[in-house]
Amino acid sequence: MTASVLQWLGGGLVAVAAGFLAVSLPRRRVRAEDRRVAWSSARAAIHDATVSRDASPATVPEAERLLAHAELLAAGRGGADAARAAAEHARRADELWRAGR
């Protein structure tokens, strides 16, 4: 191979790598931000459910189970889907305690 062919191949590889990075880095940032937002929402929902549990005069076994499951998911520190599931469990537990059933 001549020197000019090697230069073209090297330039092509650099261009492909730059294109890959230009596409993948913003996507990674968006996914990381979505995950942080989802976990923030989940922690807030768990906190709200805990406050409702402490304020509730009645014991609601289903709500206790839902809150425990939400806290277990939060302890696992999964992805955004786990955070959304934890938030949903905590919100449902909060609704049950507020309804008193």
Protein backbone atom coordinates (compact mmCIF):
# COMPACT_ATOMS: atom_id res chain seq x y z
CA MET A 1 0.00 0.00 0.00
CA THR A 2 1.17 3.45 -0.70
CA ALA A 3 1.40 6.18 1.88
CA SER A 4 -1.55 8.10 0.44
CA VAL A 5 -3.87 5.08 0.74
CA LEU A 6 -2.92 4.67 4.39
CA GLN A 7 -3.61 8.34 5.00
CA TRP A 8 -7.05 8.02 3.41
CA LEU A 9 -7.85 4.92 5.47
CA GLY A 10 -6.69 6.66 8.64
CA GLY A 11 -8.77 9.73 7.81
CA GLY A 12 -11.80 7.55 7.10
CA LEU A 13 -11.44 5.77 10.44
CA VAL A 14 -11.17 9.11 12.25
CA ALA A 15 -14.29 10.37 10.47
CA VAL A 16 -16.26 7.24 11.38
CA ALA A 17 -15.14 7.45 15.02
CA ALA A 18 -16.06 11.14 15.18
CA GLY A 19 -19.51 10.41 13.73
CA PHE A 20 -20.08 7.61 16.22
CA LEU A 21 -19.13 9.86 19.14
CA ALA A 22 -21.25 12.72 17.80
CA VAL A 23 -24.30 10.46 17.87
CA SER A 24 -23.68 8.37 20.99
CA LEU A 25 -22.60 11.02 23.51
CA PRO A 26 -25.79 13.13 23.39
CA ARG A 27 -27.90 9.96 23.63
CA ARG A 28 -25.96 8.82 26.70
CA ARG A 29 -26.45 12.24 28.32
CA VAL A 30 -30.20 12.16 27.67
CA ARG A 31 -30.51 8.63 29.10
CA ALA A 32 -28.53 9.61 32.19
CA GLU A 33 -30.69 12.68 32.73
CA ASP A 34 -33.89 10.67 32.28
CA ARG A 35 -32.63 8.19 34.85
CA ARG A 36 -31.81 10.94 37.36
CA VAL A 37 -35.23 12.56 36.89
CA ALA A 38 -37.01 9.21 37.26
CA TRP A 39 -35.17 8.41 40.49
CA SER A 40 -35.83 11.86 41.87
CA SER A 41 -39.54 11.39 41.20
CA ALA A 42 -39.45 7.93 42.78
CA ARG A 43 -37.71 9.18 45.93
CA ALA A 44 -40.29 11.97 46.26
CA ALA A 45 -43.17 9.51 45.84
CA ILE A 46 -41.66 7.17 48.44
CA HIS A 47 -41.27 10.08 50.83
CA ASP A 48 -44.89 11.15 50.29
CA ALA A 49 -46.10 7.60 50.90
CA THR A 50 -44.03 7.37 54.07
CA VAL A 51 -45.56 10.60 55.37
CA SER A 52 -49.06 9.34 54.55
CA ARG A 53 -48.30 6.05 56.32
CA ASP A 54 -47.14 7.88 59.43
CA ALA A 55 -50.21 10.12 59.40
CA SER A 56 -52.71 7.33 58.75
CA PRO A 57 -54.66 6.08 61.78
CA ALA A 58 -55.36 2.74 60.09
CA THR A 59 -53.02 -0.07 59.11
CA VAL A 60 -53.33 -0.86 55.41
CA PRO A 61 -51.51 -4.12 54.59
CA GLU A 62 -51.70 -3.65 50.80
CA ALA A 63 -50.18 -0.17 51.08
CA GLU A 64 -47.44 -1.52 53.37
CA ARG A 65 -46.62 -4.17 50.76
CA LEU A 66 -46.54 -1.61 47.93
CA LEU A 67 -44.29 0.75 49.88
CA ALA A 68 -41.94 -2.08 50.80
CA HIS A 69 -41.71 -3.10 47.15
CA ALA A 70 -41.02 0.52 46.13
CA GLU A 71 -38.26 0.79 48.74
CA LEU A 72 -36.79 -2.52 47.59
CA LEU A 73 -36.67 -1.26 44.01
CA ALA A 74 -35.06 1.97 45.20
CA ALA A 75 -32.42 0.03 47.13
CA GLY A 76 -31.54 -1.89 43.97
CA ARG A 77 -30.77 1.36 42.10
CA GLY A 78 -31.87 0.04 38.72
CA GLY A 79 -32.56 2.02 35.61
CA ALA A 80 -35.30 4.46 34.72
CA ASP A 81 -37.89 1.68 34.33
CA ALA A 82 -37.24 0.48 37.88
CA ALA A 83 -37.55 4.05 39.11
CA ARG A 84 -40.88 4.51 37.35
CA ALA A 85 -42.15 1.22 38.82
CA ALA A 86 -41.02 2.26 42.31
CA ALA A 87 -42.75 5.63 41.92
CA GLU A 88 -45.97 3.96 40.78
CA HIS A 89 -45.97 1.55 43.74
CA ALA A 90 -45.32 4.41 46.15
CA ARG A 91 -48.08 6.57 44.63
CA ARG A 92 -50.56 3.70 44.86
CA ALA A 93 -49.58 3.11 48.51
CA ASP A 94 -50.00 6.82 49.19
CA GLU A 95 -53.50 6.75 47.64
CA LEU A 96 -54.49 3.74 49.76
CA TRP A 97 -53.32 5.41 52.98
CA ARG A 98 -55.08 8.64 52.11
CA ALA A 99 -58.29 6.70 51.44
CA GLY A 100 -57.82 4.85 54.72
CA ARG A 101 -58.43 1.39 53.25
